[in-house]
Amino acid sequence: MNTGQAGDPSAEKDPSDWVTGDEPATGAQKSYLHTLARQAGEDVPDDITKADASIKIDELQEETGRGQ
């Protein structure tokens, strides 16, 4: 059940539904994403969008065992 409370996974919107998802990734997203990508031995484009950065962060967190 979606409680709407912070931390409730069912309350999170799919990044593809974000109004600002096509905007450039934030500085914090880029920094964390590049840290994860380095650990995973991957490259990340500098012009990644907010939505794509969020999706890639989730993927790399799972791959590297960080986060969550």
N, C-alpha and C. Protein backbone atom coordinates (compact mmCIF):
# COMPACT_ATOMS: atom_id res chain seq x y z
N MET A 1 0.83 -1.19 0.00
CA MET A 1 0.00 0.00 0.00
C MET A 1 0.88 1.25 0.00
N ASN A 2 0.55 2.21 -0.83
CA ASN A 2 1.30 3.46 -0.94
C ASN A 2 0.87 4.38 0.19
N THR A 3 1.76 4.58 1.16
CA THR A 3 1.45 5.45 2.30
C THR A 3 1.76 6.91 1.99
N GLY A 4 2.55 7.14 0.93
CA GLY A 4 2.94 8.51 0.59
C GLY A 4 4.03 9.05 1.49
N GLN A 5 4.53 8.23 2.39
CA GLN A 5 5.57 8.66 3.32
C GLN A 5 6.95 8.52 2.68
N ALA A 6 7.86 9.39 3.08
CA ALA A 6 9.23 9.31 2.59
C ALA A 6 9.79 7.93 2.93
N GLY A 7 10.49 7.34 2.00
CA GLY A 7 11.08 6.04 2.22
C GLY A 7 10.17 4.89 1.82
N ASP A 8 8.91 5.17 1.50
CA ASP A 8 7.98 4.13 1.06
C ASP A 8 8.26 3.88 -0.42
N PRO A 9 8.83 2.71 -0.77
CA PRO A 9 9.19 2.47 -2.17
C PRO A 9 8.00 2.58 -3.13
N SER A 10 6.81 2.29 -2.67
CA SER A 10 5.66 2.38 -3.55
C SER A 10 5.26 3.83 -3.82
N ALA A 11 5.83 4.76 -3.05
CA ALA A 11 5.53 6.18 -3.24
C ALA A 11 6.44 6.82 -4.29
N GLU A 12 7.48 6.09 -4.71
CA GLU A 12 8.43 6.64 -5.67
C GLU A 12 7.85 6.60 -7.07
N LYS A 13 8.06 7.68 -7.82
CA LYS A 13 7.62 7.73 -9.21
C LYS A 13 8.70 7.13 -10.10
N ASP A 14 8.25 6.52 -11.16
CA ASP A 14 9.17 6.01 -12.17
C ASP A 14 9.88 7.21 -12.78
N PRO A 15 11.21 7.17 -12.88
CA PRO A 15 11.94 8.31 -13.45
C PRO A 15 11.44 8.73 -14.83
N SER A 16 10.91 7.79 -15.60
CA SER A 16 10.40 8.16 -16.92
C SER A 16 9.15 9.02 -16.83
N ASP A 17 8.53 9.08 -15.65
CA ASP A 17 7.34 9.91 -15.44
C ASP A 17 7.67 11.27 -14.83
N TRP A 18 8.93 11.52 -14.52
CA TRP A 18 9.32 12.78 -13.89
C TRP A 18 9.11 13.95 -14.86
N VAL A 19 8.55 15.03 -14.35
CA VAL A 19 8.37 16.24 -15.16
C VAL A 19 9.73 16.81 -15.57
N THR A 20 10.71 16.73 -14.68
CA THR A 20 12.04 17.30 -14.94
C THR A 20 13.04 16.23 -15.38
N GLY A 21 12.57 15.05 -15.74
CA GLY A 21 13.46 13.95 -16.08
C GLY A 21 14.38 14.19 -17.25
N ASP A 22 13.96 15.08 -18.17
CA ASP A 22 14.79 15.37 -19.35
C ASP A 22 15.84 16.45 -19.09
N GLU A 23 15.81 17.04 -17.90
CA GLU A 23 16.81 18.06 -17.56
C GLU A 23 18.14 17.38 -17.26
N PRO A 24 19.24 18.14 -17.36
CA PRO A 24 20.55 17.56 -17.04
C PRO A 24 20.59 17.04 -15.60
N ALA A 25 21.33 15.98 -15.38
CA ALA A 25 21.49 15.42 -14.03
C ALA A 25 22.04 16.49 -13.10
N THR A 26 21.68 16.37 -11.82
CA THR A 26 22.18 17.32 -10.82
C THR A 26 23.64 17.03 -10.53
N GLY A 27 24.29 17.97 -9.91
CA GLY A 27 25.69 17.78 -9.53
C GLY A 27 25.86 16.59 -8.59
N ALA A 28 24.93 16.44 -7.65
CA ALA A 28 25.00 15.32 -6.71
C ALA A 28 24.83 13.98 -7.43
N GLN A 29 23.89 13.93 -8.37
CA GLN A 29 23.69 12.71 -9.14
C GLN A 29 24.95 12.36 -9.91
N LYS A 30 25.52 13.34 -10.59
CA LYS A 30 26.72 13.09 -11.40
C LYS A 30 27.88 12.61 -10.54
N SER A 31 28.07 13.24 -9.41
CA SER A 31 29.17 12.87 -8.53
C SER A 31 29.03 11.42 -8.06
N TYR A 32 27.85 11.08 -7.56
CA TYR A 32 27.62 9.73 -7.06
C TYR A 32 27.67 8.71 -8.20
N LEU A 33 27.10 9.07 -9.32
CA LEU A 33 27.09 8.19 -10.48
C LEU A 33 28.51 7.88 -10.95
N HIS A 34 29.35 8.90 -11.00
CA HIS A 34 30.73 8.68 -11.44
C HIS A 34 31.50 7.82 -10.43
N THR A 35 31.20 7.97 -9.13
CA THR A 35 31.83 7.13 -8.11
C THR A 35 31.44 5.67 -8.33
N LEU A 36 30.14 5.42 -8.52
CA LEU A 36 29.66 4.06 -8.74
C LEU A 36 30.21 3.49 -10.04
N ALA A 37 30.23 4.30 -11.08
CA ALA A 37 30.71 3.83 -12.39
C ALA A 37 32.18 3.44 -12.32
N ARG A 38 32.97 4.22 -11.59
CA ARG A 38 34.39 3.88 -11.42
C ARG A 38 34.53 2.52 -10.76
N GLN A 39 33.74 2.29 -9.71
CA GLN A 39 33.81 1.00 -9.00
C GLN A 39 33.38 -0.16 -9.90
N ALA A 40 32.44 0.10 -10.78
CA ALA A 40 31.92 -0.95 -11.67
C ALA A 40 32.73 -1.06 -12.95
N GLY A 41 33.70 -0.15 -13.15
CA GLY A 41 34.50 -0.17 -14.36
C GLY A 41 33.73 0.26 -15.59
N GLU A 42 32.78 1.17 -15.39
CA GLU A 42 31.96 1.65 -16.51
C GLU A 42 32.18 3.14 -16.72
N ASP A 43 31.77 3.60 -17.90
CA ASP A 43 31.81 5.03 -18.21
C ASP A 43 30.38 5.54 -18.24
N VAL A 44 30.22 6.81 -17.87
CA VAL A 44 28.91 7.46 -17.88
C VAL A 44 29.05 8.76 -18.66
N PRO A 45 28.13 9.03 -19.59
CA PRO A 45 28.21 10.28 -20.34
C PRO A 45 27.98 11.49 -19.44
N ASP A 46 28.67 12.58 -19.71
CA ASP A 46 28.53 13.80 -18.92
C ASP A 46 27.18 14.48 -19.14
N ASP A 47 26.55 14.20 -20.29
CA ASP A 47 25.29 14.88 -20.61
C ASP A 47 24.05 14.05 -20.25
N ILE A 48 24.19 13.15 -19.28
CA ILE A 48 23.09 12.28 -18.87
C ILE A 48 21.96 13.10 -18.21
N THR A 49 20.72 12.66 -18.44
CA THR A 49 19.57 13.37 -17.86
C THR A 49 19.32 12.92 -16.43
N LYS A 50 18.48 13.67 -15.72
CA LYS A 50 18.13 13.31 -14.35
C LYS A 50 17.51 11.92 -14.29
N ALA A 51 16.57 11.64 -15.17
CA ALA A 51 15.89 10.35 -15.15
C ALA A 51 16.86 9.21 -15.46
N ASP A 52 17.69 9.39 -16.49
CA ASP A 52 18.64 8.34 -16.86
C ASP A 52 19.69 8.15 -15.77
N ALA A 53 20.10 9.23 -15.12
CA ALA A 53 21.06 9.14 -14.03
C ALA A 53 20.47 8.34 -12.87
N SER A 54 19.22 8.59 -12.56
CA SER A 54 18.57 7.87 -11.48
C SER A 54 18.49 6.37 -11.76
N ILE A 55 18.11 6.04 -12.98
CA ILE A 55 18.02 4.64 -13.38
C ILE A 55 19.40 3.98 -13.33
N LYS A 56 20.42 4.67 -13.84
CA LYS A 56 21.78 4.12 -13.87
C LYS A 56 22.33 3.98 -12.45
N ILE A 57 22.01 4.92 -11.58
CA ILE A 57 22.46 4.82 -10.18
C ILE A 57 21.87 3.56 -9.55
N ASP A 58 20.58 3.32 -9.77
CA ASP A 58 19.95 2.11 -9.22
C ASP A 58 20.65 0.85 -9.75
N GLU A 59 20.92 0.83 -11.05
CA GLU A 59 21.59 -0.33 -11.65
C GLU A 59 22.98 -0.55 -11.06
N LEU A 60 23.73 0.54 -10.95
CA LEU A 60 25.10 0.42 -10.45
C LEU A 60 25.14 0.12 -8.95
N GLN A 61 24.16 0.60 -8.20
CA GLN A 61 24.11 0.27 -6.78
C GLN A 61 23.92 -1.24 -6.61
N GLU A 62 23.06 -1.80 -7.41
CA GLU A 62 22.83 -3.23 -7.35
C GLU A 62 24.08 -4.00 -7.78
N GLU A 63 24.71 -3.53 -8.83
CA GLU A 63 25.91 -4.19 -9.37
C GLU A 63 27.08 -4.13 -8.38
N THR A 64 27.24 -2.99 -7.70
CA THR A 64 28.38 -2.82 -6.81
C THR A 64 28.05 -3.17 -5.36
N GLY A 65 26.78 -3.38 -5.05
CA GLY A 65 26.39 -3.71 -3.69
C GLY A 65 26.33 -2.50 -2.76
N ARG A 66 26.32 -1.31 -3.35
CA ARG A 66 26.25 -0.07 -2.54
C ARG A 66 24.82 0.44 -2.50
N GLY A 67 24.56 1.27 -1.53
CA GLY A 67 23.24 1.90 -1.44
C GLY A 67 22.21 0.94 -0.90
N GLN A 68 20.98 1.32 -1.09
CA GLN A 68 19.81 0.55 -0.67
C GLN A 68 19.96 0.06 0.73
